[in-house]
């Protein structure tokens, strides 16, 4: 066809890139290989979750001193401390405490707050959507900005052209990656909230209050994904099917959007999924700077106020989210690029 740069797969000069076809080394990903691939990752996920449960349980036990006395204060009566320890089950043998903790977590029970007496599960349920909202939006912004930016940089610098553009792109993205999110947060609040007054400086007060936290979270991932997108695009631009398309004078927009872009998305989406997990866990300081009513702000408050059941529950949820996202990324990569599944076989 005149509008396609790729000849049929059965032709003698097949220019189709390996990721575009469902082949890896000439073999199709069989049902057995697919099942083994999924099973391996599910088993790893289960083992990681078990380790996370034990680690979150041990966290309070490893804190120096008595967490109950630390939360109630040094002047609390001995009887009150003993009653609170009994209510929390901290007077039981350590193995009994662990089994009871695992059983409660599997039922969705994370204990109660030392300070407010609220169930930790209710605190997490109330605040988790606020954390997920800015993390998901930041990931979407990063992907929507970074992928076109990386492709543009690759097209501009193909075959060593425009050295100035390459140097500027590399230095700017490298600097953006190196700056921590909380410094972005402070700078954005100082300039755009306090200085210019364009956005609310803190809290969740309408759509404008989302802008600065999302930008603070998205800047470093945008730079990282843009660099990856540029590398992947440069690799595709050197492929046979691109040279064939250019020889047939296929319009540039059709070549880049319909053929190059889909073949660069496997690595980009993989990194994007991993960054989502990092953004959820890394939103703690951003939420603290913007007084955002999410889990990040709550965990900082619980640690400073020695409300250990809340801190333990939030850390467990953060860890579980990261593991679930990583599992989803691994399985998605197995679907998009069967080569990865066969390499693990």
C-alpha atoms as a PDB file:
ATOM      1  CA  UNK A   1       0.000   0.000   0.000  1.00  0.00           C
ATOM      2  CA  UNK A   2       1.218   3.477  -0.775  1.00  0.00           C
ATOM      3  CA  UNK A   3       0.389   4.827   2.676  1.00  0.00           C
ATOM      4  CA  UNK A   4       2.223   2.157   4.640  1.00  0.00           C
ATOM      5  CA  UNK A   5       6.000   1.934   4.962  1.00  0.00           C
ATOM      6  CA  UNK A   6       6.003  -1.708   5.941  1.00  0.00           C
ATOM      7  CA  UNK A   7       5.962  -4.581   3.456  1.00  0.00           C
ATOM      8  CA  UNK A   8       4.092  -7.800   4.255  1.00  0.00           C
ATOM      9  CA  UNK A   9       5.654  -9.988   6.944  1.00  0.00           C
ATOM     10  CA  UNK A  10       6.158 -12.797   4.416  1.00  0.00           C
ATOM     11  CA  UNK A  11       8.152 -10.643   2.037  1.00  0.00           C
ATOM     12  CA  UNK A  12      11.876 -11.118   1.593  1.00  0.00           C
ATOM     13  CA  UNK A  13      12.750  -7.683   2.997  1.00  0.00           C
ATOM     14  CA  UNK A  14      10.522  -7.459   6.045  1.00  0.00           C
ATOM     15  CA  UNK A  15      11.139  -4.064   7.657  1.00  0.00           C
ATOM     16  CA  UNK A  16       8.742  -4.541  10.541  1.00  0.00           C
ATOM     17  CA  UNK A  17      10.413  -3.865  13.939  1.00  0.00           C
ATOM     18  CA  UNK A  18      10.333  -6.771  16.410  1.00  0.00           C
ATOM     19  CA  UNK A  19       8.055  -4.956  18.861  1.00  0.00           C
ATOM     20  CA  UNK A  20       5.419  -4.270  16.251  1.00  0.00           C
ATOM     21  CA  UNK A  21       4.751  -7.921  15.451  1.00  0.00           C
ATOM     22  CA  UNK A  22       3.842 -10.446  18.139  1.00  0.00           C
ATOM     23  CA  UNK A  23       7.093 -12.317  17.629  1.00  0.00           C
ATOM     24  CA  UNK A  24      10.272 -12.713  19.634  1.00  0.00           C
ATOM     25  CA  UNK A  25      13.141 -14.506  17.973  1.00  0.00           C
ATOM     26  CA  UNK A  26      10.695 -15.947  15.441  1.00  0.00           C
ATOM     27  CA  UNK A  27       8.487 -17.543  18.110  1.00  0.00           C
ATOM     28  CA  UNK A  28       4.977 -16.631  19.121  1.00  0.00           C
ATOM     29  CA  UNK A  29       4.262 -16.231  22.834  1.00  0.00           C
ATOM     30  CA  UNK A  30       2.372 -19.455  23.542  1.00  0.00           C
ATOM     31  CA  UNK A  31      -0.370 -19.863  26.101  1.00  0.00           C
ATOM     32  CA  UNK A  32       1.936 -21.890  28.347  1.00  0.00           C
ATOM     33  CA  UNK A  33       4.674 -19.228  28.215  1.00  0.00           C
ATOM     34  CA  UNK A  34       2.117 -16.518  28.913  1.00  0.00           C
ATOM     35  CA  UNK A  35       0.730 -18.433  31.877  1.00  0.00           C
ATOM     36  CA  UNK A  36       4.204 -19.063  33.290  1.00  0.00           C
ATOM     37  CA  UNK A  37       5.066 -15.394  32.866  1.00  0.00           C
ATOM     38  CA  UNK A  38       1.956 -14.276  34.755  1.00  0.00           C
ATOM     39  CA  UNK A  39       2.438 -16.905  37.458  1.00  0.00           C
ATOM     40  CA  UNK A  40       6.039 -15.831  38.107  1.00  0.00           C
ATOM     41  CA  UNK A  41       5.056 -12.220  38.604  1.00  0.00           C
ATOM     42  CA  UNK A  42       2.054 -13.059  40.773  1.00  0.00           C
ATOM     43  CA  UNK A  43       4.251 -15.225  43.016  1.00  0.00           C
ATOM     44  CA  UNK A  44       6.805 -12.422  43.293  1.00  0.00           C
ATOM     45  CA  UNK A  45       4.006 -10.022  44.171  1.00  0.00           C
ATOM     46  CA  UNK A  46       2.705 -12.352  46.892  1.00  0.00           C
ATOM     47  CA  UNK A  47       6.188 -12.771  48.385  1.00  0.00           C
ATOM     48  CA  UNK A  48       6.764  -9.018  48.318  1.00  0.00           C
ATOM     49  CA  UNK A  49       3.403  -8.396  49.999  1.00  0.00           C
ATOM     50  CA  UNK A  50       4.266 -10.896  52.739  1.00  0.00           C
ATOM     51  CA  UNK A  51       7.602  -9.140  53.301  1.00  0.00           C
ATOM     52  CA  UNK A  52       5.819  -5.783  53.394  1.00  0.00           C
ATOM     53  CA  UNK A  53       3.375  -7.045  56.023  1.00  0.00           C
ATOM     54  CA  UNK A  54       6.185  -8.291  58.242  1.00  0.00           C
ATOM     55  CA  UNK A  55       8.196  -5.076  57.756  1.00  0.00           C
ATOM     56  CA  UNK A  56       5.260  -2.829  58.610  1.00  0.00           C
ATOM     57  CA  UNK A  57       4.550  -4.958  61.700  1.00  0.00           C
ATOM     58  CA  UNK A  58       8.180  -4.742  62.826  1.00  0.00           C
ATOM     59  CA  UNK A  59       8.320  -0.978  62.327  1.00  0.00           C
ATOM     60  CA  UNK A  60       6.610  -0.097  65.616  1.00  0.00           C
ATOM     61  CA  UNK A  61       8.432  -2.845  67.523  1.00  0.00           C
ATOM     62  CA  UNK A  62      11.804  -1.475  66.393  1.00  0.00           C
ATOM     63  CA  UNK A  63      11.099   2.048  67.597  1.00  0.00           C
ATOM     64  CA  UNK A  64      13.298   2.881  70.556  1.00  0.00           C
ATOM     65  CA  UNK A  65      11.275   3.006  73.761  1.00  0.00           C
ATOM     66  CA  UNK A  66       7.604   2.287  74.339  1.00  0.00           C
ATOM     67  CA  UNK A  67       5.422   3.697  71.510  1.00  0.00           C
ATOM     68  CA  UNK A  68       2.365   3.729  73.775  1.00  0.00           C
ATOM     69  CA  UNK A  69       4.129   5.818  76.407  1.00  0.00           C
ATOM     70  CA  UNK A  70       5.617   8.020  73.695  1.00  0.00           C
ATOM     71  CA  UNK A  71       2.162   8.733  72.274  1.00  0.00           C
ATOM     72  CA  UNK A  72       0.466   9.277  75.650  1.00  0.00           C
ATOM     73  CA  UNK A  73       3.281  11.370  77.081  1.00  0.00           C
ATOM     74  CA  UNK A  74       5.731  10.919  79.968  1.00  0.00           C
ATOM     75  CA  UNK A  75       3.168  11.929  82.611  1.00  0.00           C
ATOM     76  CA  UNK A  76       0.545   9.346  81.611  1.00  0.00           C
ATOM     77  CA  UNK A  77      -0.501   7.040  84.500  1.00  0.00           C
ATOM     78  CA  UNK A  78       0.892   3.524  84.455  1.00  0.00           C
ATOM     79  CA  UNK A  79      -2.639   2.100  84.550  1.00  0.00           C
ATOM     80  CA  UNK A  80      -3.602   4.010  81.404  1.00  0.00           C
ATOM     81  CA  UNK A  81      -0.504   2.807  79.573  1.00  0.00           C
ATOM     82  CA  UNK A  82      -1.160  -0.787  80.606  1.00  0.00           C
ATOM     83  CA  UNK A  83      -4.787  -0.546  79.493  1.00  0.00           C
ATOM     84  CA  UNK A  84      -3.797   0.920  76.120  1.00  0.00           C
ATOM     85  CA  UNK A  85      -1.167  -1.791  75.569  1.00  0.00           C
ATOM     86  CA  UNK A  86      -3.750  -4.466  76.353  1.00  0.00           C
ATOM     87  CA  UNK A  87      -6.292  -2.857  74.023  1.00  0.00           C
ATOM     88  CA  UNK A  88      -3.715  -2.819  71.222  1.00  0.00           C
ATOM     89  CA  UNK A  89      -2.648  -6.391  71.927  1.00  0.00           C
ATOM     90  CA  UNK A  90       0.937  -5.305  72.655  1.00  0.00           C
ATOM     91  CA  UNK A  91       0.999  -7.417  75.819  1.00  0.00           C
ATOM     92  CA  UNK A  92       0.741 -10.642  73.786  1.00  0.00           C
ATOM     93  CA  UNK A  93       3.686 -12.775  72.547  1.00  0.00           C
ATOM     94  CA  UNK A  94       5.292 -11.354  69.426  1.00  0.00           C
ATOM     95  CA  UNK A  95       4.205 -14.255  67.178  1.00  0.00           C
ATOM     96  CA  UNK A  96       0.608 -13.909  68.344  1.00  0.00           C
ATOM     97  CA  UNK A  97       0.769 -10.197  67.613  1.00  0.00           C
ATOM     98  CA  UNK A  98       2.079 -10.859  64.099  1.00  0.00           C
ATOM     99  CA  UNK A  99      -0.605 -13.414  63.276  1.00  0.00           C
ATOM    100  CA  UNK A 100      -3.302 -11.153  64.689  1.00  0.00           C
ATOM    101  CA  UNK A 101      -1.934  -8.209  62.682  1.00  0.00           C
ATOM    102  CA  UNK A 102      -1.912 -10.167  59.422  1.00  0.00           C
ATOM    103  CA  UNK A 103      -5.418 -11.447  60.056  1.00  0.00           C
ATOM    104  CA  UNK A 104      -6.707  -7.932  60.739  1.00  0.00           C
ATOM    105  CA  UNK A 105      -4.998  -6.468  57.658  1.00  0.00           C
ATOM    106  CA  UNK A 106      -6.472  -9.158  55.418  1.00  0.00           C
ATOM    107  CA  UNK A 107      -9.888  -8.154  56.774  1.00  0.00           C
ATOM    108  CA  UNK A 108      -9.148  -4.492  56.054  1.00  0.00           C
ATOM    109  CA  UNK A 109      -8.642  -3.531  59.704  1.00  0.00           C
ATOM    110  CA  UNK A 110      -5.574  -1.408  60.467  1.00  0.00           C
ATOM    111  CA  UNK A 111      -6.198  -0.556  64.112  1.00  0.00           C
ATOM    112  CA  UNK A 112      -7.225   2.770  65.634  1.00  0.00           C
ATOM    113  CA  UNK A 113      -5.486   6.110  65.934  1.00  0.00           C
ATOM    114  CA  UNK A 114      -3.757   6.765  69.268  1.00  0.00           C
ATOM    115  CA  UNK A 115      -4.867  10.391  69.208  1.00  0.00           C
ATOM    116  CA  UNK A 116      -8.344  10.563  67.677  1.00  0.00           C
ATOM    117  CA  UNK A 117      -9.550   7.009  68.237  1.00  0.00           C
ATOM    118  CA  UNK A 118     -10.667   6.820  64.586  1.00  0.00           C
ATOM    119  CA  UNK A 119     -10.212   3.546  62.723  1.00  0.00           C
ATOM    120  CA  UNK A 120      -7.069   3.822  60.605  1.00  0.00           C
ATOM    121  CA  UNK A 121      -8.924   2.259  57.666  1.00  0.00           C
ATOM    122  CA  UNK A 122     -11.404   5.161  57.665  1.00  0.00           C
ATOM    123  CA  UNK A 123      -8.574   7.709  57.751  1.00  0.00           C
ATOM    124  CA  UNK A 124      -6.909   6.014  54.769  1.00  0.00           C
ATOM    125  CA  UNK A 125     -10.177   5.719  52.838  1.00  0.00           C
ATOM    126  CA  UNK A 126     -10.880   9.420  53.343  1.00  0.00           C
ATOM    127  CA  UNK A 127      -7.442  10.644  52.281  1.00  0.00           C
ATOM    128  CA  UNK A 128      -6.249   8.139  49.669  1.00  0.00           C
ATOM    129  CA  UNK A 129      -8.422   9.570  46.830  1.00  0.00           C
ATOM    130  CA  UNK A 130      -6.799  12.993  47.308  1.00  0.00           C
ATOM    131  CA  UNK A 131      -3.324  11.484  46.987  1.00  0.00           C
ATOM    132  CA  UNK A 132      -4.265   9.363  43.978  1.00  0.00           C
ATOM    133  CA  UNK A 133      -5.891  12.317  42.228  1.00  0.00           C
ATOM    134  CA  UNK A 134      -2.743  14.452  42.081  1.00  0.00           C
ATOM    135  CA  UNK A 135      -0.476  11.445  41.415  1.00  0.00           C
ATOM    136  CA  UNK A 136      -2.577  10.224  38.469  1.00  0.00           C
ATOM    137  CA  UNK A 137      -2.972  13.715  37.039  1.00  0.00           C
ATOM    138  CA  UNK A 138       0.764  14.355  37.398  1.00  0.00           C
ATOM    139  CA  UNK A 139       1.508  11.101  35.558  1.00  0.00           C
ATOM    140  CA  UNK A 140      -0.909  12.036  32.761  1.00  0.00           C
ATOM    141  CA  UNK A 141       0.637  15.497  32.440  1.00  0.00           C
ATOM    142  CA  UNK A 142       4.147  14.027  32.379  1.00  0.00           C
ATOM    143  CA  UNK A 143       3.277  11.563  29.599  1.00  0.00           C
ATOM    144  CA  UNK A 144       1.342  14.085  27.499  1.00  0.00           C
ATOM    145  CA  UNK A 145       4.180  16.614  27.639  1.00  0.00           C
ATOM    146  CA  UNK A 146       7.219  14.334  27.664  1.00  0.00           C
ATOM    147  CA  UNK A 147       6.432  11.997  24.752  1.00  0.00           C
ATOM    148  CA  UNK A 148       5.948  14.757  22.125  1.00  0.00           C
ATOM    149  CA  UNK A 149       8.893  16.682  23.589  1.00  0.00           C
ATOM    150  CA  UNK A 150      11.170  13.644  23.376  1.00  0.00           C
ATOM    151  CA  UNK A 151      10.074  12.863  19.826  1.00  0.00           C
ATOM    152  CA  UNK A 152      10.614  16.475  18.763  1.00  0.00           C
ATOM    153  CA  UNK A 153      14.109  16.471  20.277  1.00  0.00           C
ATOM    154  CA  UNK A 154      14.947  13.193  18.533  1.00  0.00           C
ATOM    155  CA  UNK A 155      13.755  14.444  15.129  1.00  0.00           C
ATOM    156  CA  UNK A 156      15.659  17.698  15.568  1.00  0.00           C
ATOM    157  CA  UNK A 157      18.903  15.965  16.596  1.00  0.00           C
ATOM    158  CA  UNK A 158      18.770  12.936  14.281  1.00  0.00           C
ATOM    159  CA  UNK A 159      22.124  12.033  12.707  1.00  0.00           C
ATOM    160  CA  UNK A 160      23.995  14.521  14.888  1.00  0.00           C
ATOM    161  CA  UNK A 161      22.123  17.590  13.646  1.00  0.00           C
ATOM    162  CA  UNK A 162      21.461  20.675  15.816  1.00  0.00           C
ATOM    163  CA  UNK A 163      24.081  20.099  18.494  1.00  0.00           C
ATOM    164  CA  UNK A 164      22.830  23.165  20.338  1.00  0.00           C
ATOM    165  CA  UNK A 165      19.350  21.693  20.663  1.00  0.00           C
ATOM    166  CA  UNK A 166      20.787  18.406  21.921  1.00  0.00           C
ATOM    167  CA  UNK A 167      22.981  20.139  24.510  1.00  0.00           C
ATOM    168  CA  UNK A 168      20.117  22.330  25.721  1.00  0.00           C
ATOM    169  CA  UNK A 169      17.697  19.410  25.927  1.00  0.00           C
ATOM    170  CA  UNK A 170      20.187  17.237  27.804  1.00  0.00           C
ATOM    171  CA  UNK A 171      21.200  19.903  30.295  1.00  0.00           C
ATOM    172  CA  UNK A 172      17.676  21.135  31.010  1.00  0.00           C
ATOM    173  CA  UNK A 173      16.200  17.668  31.491  1.00  0.00           C
ATOM    174  CA  UNK A 174      19.187  16.526  33.547  1.00  0.00           C
ATOM    175  CA  UNK A 175      18.795  19.499  35.881  1.00  0.00           C
ATOM    176  CA  UNK A 176      15.049  18.971  36.135  1.00  0.00           C
ATOM    177  CA  UNK A 177      15.561  15.344  37.159  1.00  0.00           C
ATOM    178  CA  UNK A 178      18.103  16.277  39.834  1.00  0.00           C
ATOM    179  CA  UNK A 179      15.901  18.805  41.677  1.00  0.00           C
ATOM    180  CA  UNK A 180      13.740  17.243  44.451  1.00  0.00           C
ATOM    181  CA  UNK A 181       9.968  17.674  44.368  1.00  0.00           C
ATOM    182  CA  UNK A 182       9.816  19.624  47.620  1.00  0.00           C
ATOM    183  CA  UNK A 183      12.166  22.298  46.200  1.00  0.00           C
ATOM    184  CA  UNK A 184       9.873  22.643  43.197  1.00  0.00           C
ATOM    185  CA  UNK A 185       6.970  22.952  45.636  1.00  0.00           C
ATOM    186  CA  UNK A 186       8.614  25.727  47.627  1.00  0.00           C
ATOM    187  CA  UNK A 187       9.628  27.615  44.481  1.00  0.00           C
ATOM    188  CA  UNK A 188       6.153  27.329  42.954  1.00  0.00           C
ATOM    189  CA  UNK A 189       4.456  28.530  46.139  1.00  0.00           C
ATOM    190  CA  UNK A 190       6.882  31.434  46.477  1.00  0.00           C
ATOM    191  CA  UNK A 191       6.539  32.640  42.891  1.00  0.00           C
ATOM    192  CA  UNK A 192       3.017  31.777  41.748  1.00  0.00           C
ATOM    193  CA  UNK A 193       1.043  31.692  44.999  1.00  0.00           C
ATOM    194  CA  UNK A 194       2.668  34.258  47.279  1.00  0.00           C
ATOM    195  CA  UNK A 195       4.411  36.473  44.708  1.00  0.00           C
ATOM    196  CA  UNK A 196       1.902  36.593  41.852  1.00  0.00           C
ATOM    197  CA  UNK A 197      -1.179  35.375  43.705  1.00  0.00           C
ATOM    198  CA  UNK A 198      -2.343  33.281  40.774  1.00  0.00           C
ATOM    199  CA  UNK A 199      -2.998  30.088  42.737  1.00  0.00           C
ATOM    200  CA  UNK A 200      -3.955  29.149  46.313  1.00  0.00           C
ATOM    201  CA  UNK A 201      -0.816  28.593  48.404  1.00  0.00           C
ATOM    202  CA  UNK A 202      -2.201  25.611  50.325  1.00  0.00           C
ATOM    203  CA  UNK A 203      -5.167  23.333  50.870  1.00  0.00           C
ATOM    204  CA  UNK A 204      -7.739  21.853  48.528  1.00  0.00           C
ATOM    205  CA  UNK A 205      -9.866  24.780  47.427  1.00  0.00           C
ATOM    206  CA  UNK A 206     -11.184  24.185  43.932  1.00  0.00           C
ATOM    207  CA  UNK A 207      -9.571  23.324  40.599  1.00  0.00           C
ATOM    208  CA  UNK A 208      -6.819  25.957  40.835  1.00  0.00           C
ATOM    209  CA  UNK A 209      -5.469  24.368  44.009  1.00  0.00           C
ATOM    210  CA  UNK A 210      -4.522  21.269  41.985  1.00  0.00           C
ATOM    211  CA  UNK A 211      -2.244  23.118  39.574  1.00  0.00           C
ATOM    212  CA  UNK A 212       0.878  23.751  41.676  1.00  0.00           C
ATOM    213  CA  UNK A 213       1.025  20.316  43.403  1.00  0.00           C
ATOM    214  CA  UNK A 214       0.608  18.573  40.041  1.00  0.00           C
ATOM    215  CA  UNK A 215       3.346  20.673  38.430  1.00  0.00           C
ATOM    216  CA  UNK A 216       5.674  20.036  41.375  1.00  0.00           C
ATOM    217  CA  UNK A 217       5.126  16.284  41.067  1.00  0.00           C
ATOM    218  CA  UNK A 218       5.266  16.183  37.260  1.00  0.00           C
ATOM    219  CA  UNK A 219       8.407  18.213  36.477  1.00  0.00           C
ATOM    220  CA  UNK A 220      11.074  15.575  37.204  1.00  0.00           C
ATOM    221  CA  UNK A 221       9.121  12.647  35.657  1.00  0.00           C
ATOM    222  CA  UNK A 222       8.451  14.761  32.559  1.00  0.00           C
ATOM    223  CA  UNK A 223      12.179  15.323  32.083  1.00  0.00           C
ATOM    224  CA  UNK A 224      12.978  11.639  32.640  1.00  0.00           C
ATOM    225  CA  UNK A 225      10.315  10.353  30.249  1.00  0.00           C
ATOM    226  CA  UNK A 226      11.329  12.939  27.622  1.00  0.00           C
ATOM    227  CA  UNK A 227      14.901  11.629  27.686  1.00  0.00           C
ATOM    228  CA  UNK A 228      13.692   8.039  27.322  1.00  0.00           C
ATOM    229  CA  UNK A 229      11.285   9.026  24.556  1.00  0.00           C
ATOM    230  CA  UNK A 230      14.102  10.729  22.658  1.00  0.00           C
ATOM    231  CA  UNK A 231      16.355   7.670  22.888  1.00  0.00           C
ATOM    232  CA  UNK A 232      13.568   5.320  21.770  1.00  0.00           C
ATOM    233  CA  UNK A 233      12.593   7.629  18.908  1.00  0.00           C
ATOM    234  CA  UNK A 234      16.188   7.880  17.694  1.00  0.00           C
ATOM    235  CA  UNK A 235      16.379   4.084  17.685  1.00  0.00           C
ATOM    236  CA  UNK A 236      13.187   3.838  15.610  1.00  0.00           C
ATOM    237  CA  UNK A 237      14.305   6.553  13.198  1.00  0.00           C
ATOM    238  CA  UNK A 238      17.239   4.352  12.270  1.00  0.00           C
ATOM    239  CA  UNK A 239      15.045   1.342  11.507  1.00  0.00           C
ATOM    240  CA  UNK A 240      14.519  -0.061   8.006  1.00  0.00           C
ATOM    241  CA  UNK A 241      10.808   0.741   7.874  1.00  0.00           C
ATOM    242  CA  UNK A 242      11.517   4.462   8.466  1.00  0.00           C
ATOM    243  CA  UNK A 243      14.039   4.554   5.631  1.00  0.00           C
ATOM    244  CA  UNK A 244      11.525   2.762   3.424  1.00  0.00           C
ATOM    245  CA  UNK A 245       8.788   5.228   4.354  1.00  0.00           C
ATOM    246  CA  UNK A 246      11.025   8.178   3.572  1.00  0.00           C
ATOM    247  CA  UNK A 247      12.004   6.610   0.263  1.00  0.00           C
ATOM    248  CA  UNK A 248       8.287   6.382  -0.575  1.00  0.00           C
ATOM    249  CA  UNK A 249       7.900  10.037   0.518  1.00  0.00           C
ATOM    250  CA  UNK A 250       5.335   9.228   3.168  1.00  0.00           C
ATOM    251  CA  UNK A 251       4.167  12.454   4.852  1.00  0.00           C
ATOM    252  CA  UNK A 252       6.225  13.167   7.965  1.00  0.00           C
ATOM    253  CA  UNK A 253       3.202  13.559  10.253  1.00  0.00           C
ATOM    254  CA  UNK A 254       1.832  10.150   9.218  1.00  0.00           C
ATOM    255  CA  UNK A 255       5.238   8.506   9.589  1.00  0.00           C
ATOM    256  CA  UNK A 256       5.896   9.861  13.063  1.00  0.00           C
ATOM    257  CA  UNK A 257       2.374   9.538  14.509  1.00  0.00           C
ATOM    258  CA  UNK A 258       1.166   6.292  12.933  1.00  0.00           C
ATOM    259  CA  UNK A 259       4.392   4.302  12.783  1.00  0.00           C
ATOM    260  CA  UNK A 260       7.202   5.691  14.945  1.00  0.00           C
ATOM    261  CA  UNK A 261       5.116   6.705  17.970  1.00  0.00           C
ATOM    262  CA  UNK A 262       3.491   3.289  18.649  1.00  0.00           C
ATOM    263  CA  UNK A 263       6.898   1.594  18.561  1.00  0.00           C
ATOM    264  CA  UNK A 264       8.353   3.977  21.155  1.00  0.00           C
ATOM    265  CA  UNK A 265       5.543   3.613  23.671  1.00  0.00           C
ATOM    266  CA  UNK A 266       6.493   0.261  25.221  1.00  0.00           C
ATOM    267  CA  UNK A 267       9.488   1.596  27.127  1.00  0.00           C
ATOM    268  CA  UNK A 268       7.813   4.955  27.718  1.00  0.00           C
ATOM    269  CA  UNK A 269       4.663   3.478  29.245  1.00  0.00           C
ATOM    270  CA  UNK A 270       6.720   1.062  31.322  1.00  0.00           C
ATOM    271  CA  UNK A 271       8.679   3.910  32.852  1.00  0.00           C
ATOM    272  CA  UNK A 272       5.484   5.930  33.201  1.00  0.00           C
ATOM    273  CA  UNK A 273       3.906   3.163  35.270  1.00  0.00           C
ATOM    274  CA  UNK A 274       6.945   2.906  37.509  1.00  0.00           C
ATOM    275  CA  UNK A 275       6.977   6.675  37.927  1.00  0.00           C
ATOM    276  CA  UNK A 276       3.326   6.566  38.985  1.00  0.00           C
ATOM    277  CA  UNK A 277       4.294   4.309  41.871  1.00  0.00           C
ATOM    278  CA  UNK A 278       7.116   6.685  42.714  1.00  0.00           C
ATOM    279  CA  UNK A 279       4.839   9.711  42.530  1.00  0.00           C
ATOM    280  CA  UNK A 280       2.363   8.178  44.968  1.00  0.00           C
ATOM    281  CA  UNK A 281       5.124   7.458  47.464  1.00  0.00           C
ATOM    282  CA  UNK A 282       6.979  10.691  46.673  1.00  0.00           C
ATOM    283  CA  UNK A 283       3.967  12.926  47.177  1.00  0.00           C
ATOM    284  CA  UNK A 284       4.569  13.015  50.947  1.00  0.00           C
ATOM    285  CA  UNK A 285       6.690  16.179  51.019  1.00  0.00           C
ATOM    286  CA  UNK A 286       4.686  17.844  48.243  1.00  0.00           C
ATOM    287  CA  UNK A 287       1.486  17.304  50.201  1.00  0.00           C
ATOM    288  CA  UNK A 288       3.163  18.644  53.322  1.00  0.00           C
ATOM    289  CA  UNK A 289       4.312  21.848  51.579  1.00  0.00           C
ATOM    290  CA  UNK A 290       0.885  22.470  50.041  1.00  0.00           C
ATOM    291  CA  UNK A 291      -1.057  21.234  53.105  1.00  0.00           C
ATOM    292  CA  UNK A 292      -2.807  18.856  50.725  1.00  0.00           C
ATOM    293  CA  UNK A 293      -5.309  16.636  52.578  1.00  0.00           C
ATOM    294  CA  UNK A 294      -3.856  13.344  51.394  1.00  0.00           C
ATOM    295  CA  UNK A 295      -2.008  10.425  52.897  1.00  0.00           C
ATOM    296  CA  UNK A 296       1.334  12.198  52.621  1.00  0.00           C
ATOM    297  CA  UNK A 297       0.307  15.001  54.954  1.00  0.00           C
ATOM    298  CA  UNK A 298      -1.329  12.522  57.315  1.00  0.00           C
ATOM    299  CA  UNK A 299       1.755  10.335  57.620  1.00  0.00           C
ATOM    300  CA  UNK A 300       3.940  13.340  58.457  1.00  0.00           C
ATOM    301  CA  UNK A 301       1.441  14.398  61.119  1.00  0.00           C
ATOM    302  CA  UNK A 302       1.212  10.875  62.532  1.00  0.00           C
ATOM    303  CA  UNK A 303       4.999  10.544  62.814  1.00  0.00           C
ATOM    304  CA  UNK A 304       5.485  13.930  64.465  1.00  0.00           C
ATOM    305  CA  UNK A 305       2.583  13.231  66.865  1.00  0.00           C
ATOM    306  CA  UNK A 306       3.749   9.633  67.500  1.00  0.00           C
ATOM    307  CA  UNK A 307       0.456   8.217  66.208  1.00  0.00           C
ATOM    308  CA  UNK A 308       2.122   4.953  65.183  1.00  0.00           C
ATOM    309  CA  UNK A 309      -0.910   2.891  64.088  1.00  0.00           C
ATOM    310  CA  UNK A 310      -1.754   5.557  61.494  1.00  0.00           C
ATOM    311  CA  UNK A 311       1.862   5.755  60.305  1.00  0.00           C
ATOM    312  CA  UNK A 312       2.023   1.964  60.077  1.00  0.00           C
ATOM    313  CA  UNK A 313      -1.239   1.726  58.122  1.00  0.00           C
ATOM    314  CA  UNK A 314      -0.318   4.475  55.668  1.00  0.00           C
ATOM    315  CA  UNK A 315       3.137   2.996  55.022  1.00  0.00           C
ATOM    316  CA  UNK A 316       1.529  -0.384  54.388  1.00  0.00           C
ATOM    317  CA  UNK A 317      -0.908   1.136  51.901  1.00  0.00           C
ATOM    318  CA  UNK A 318       1.876   3.052  50.133  1.00  0.00           C
ATOM    319  CA  UNK A 319       3.921  -0.119  49.820  1.00  0.00           C
ATOM    320  CA  UNK A 320       0.952  -2.127  48.552  1.00  0.00           C
ATOM    321  CA  UNK A 321       0.176   0.498  45.899  1.00  0.00           C
ATOM    322  CA  UNK A 322       3.768   0.466  44.664  1.00  0.00           C
ATOM    323  CA  UNK A 323       3.746  -3.331  44.426  1.00  0.00           C
ATOM    324  CA  UNK A 324       0.387  -3.395  42.612  1.00  0.00           C
ATOM    325  CA  UNK A 325       1.535  -0.770  40.105  1.00  0.00           C
ATOM    326  CA  UNK A 326       4.791  -2.634  39.484  1.00  0.00           C
ATOM    327  CA  UNK A 327       2.868  -5.865  38.915  1.00  0.00           C
ATOM    328  CA  UNK A 328       0.549  -4.120  36.466  1.00  0.00           C
ATOM    329  CA  UNK A 329       3.506  -2.640  34.577  1.00  0.00           C
ATOM    330  CA  UNK A 330       5.220  -6.028  34.342  1.00  0.00           C
ATOM    331  CA  UNK A 331       2.077  -7.706  33.013  1.00  0.00           C
ATOM    332  CA  UNK A 332       1.421  -4.868  30.558  1.00  0.00           C
ATOM    333  CA  UNK A 333       4.987  -5.118  29.295  1.00  0.00           C
ATOM    334  CA  UNK A 334       4.481  -8.839  28.729  1.00  0.00           C
ATOM    335  CA  UNK A 335       1.451  -8.043  26.561  1.00  0.00           C
ATOM    336  CA  UNK A 336       3.042  -5.181  24.620  1.00  0.00           C
ATOM    337  CA  UNK A 337       6.441  -6.847  24.193  1.00  0.00           C
ATOM    338  CA  UNK A 338       6.296 -10.656  24.334  1.00  0.00           C
ATOM    339  CA  UNK A 339      10.085 -10.734  23.973  1.00  0.00           C
ATOM    340  CA  UNK A 340      10.386  -9.855  27.669  1.00  0.00           C
ATOM    341  CA  UNK A 341       8.253 -12.847  28.649  1.00  0.00           C
ATOM    342  CA  UNK A 342      10.258 -15.231  26.500  1.00  0.00           C
ATOM    343  CA  UNK A 343      13.555 -13.929  27.887  1.00  0.00           C
ATOM    344  CA  UNK A 344      12.368 -14.834  31.395  1.00  0.00           C
ATOM    345  CA  UNK A 345      11.421 -18.363  30.342  1.00  0.00           C
END
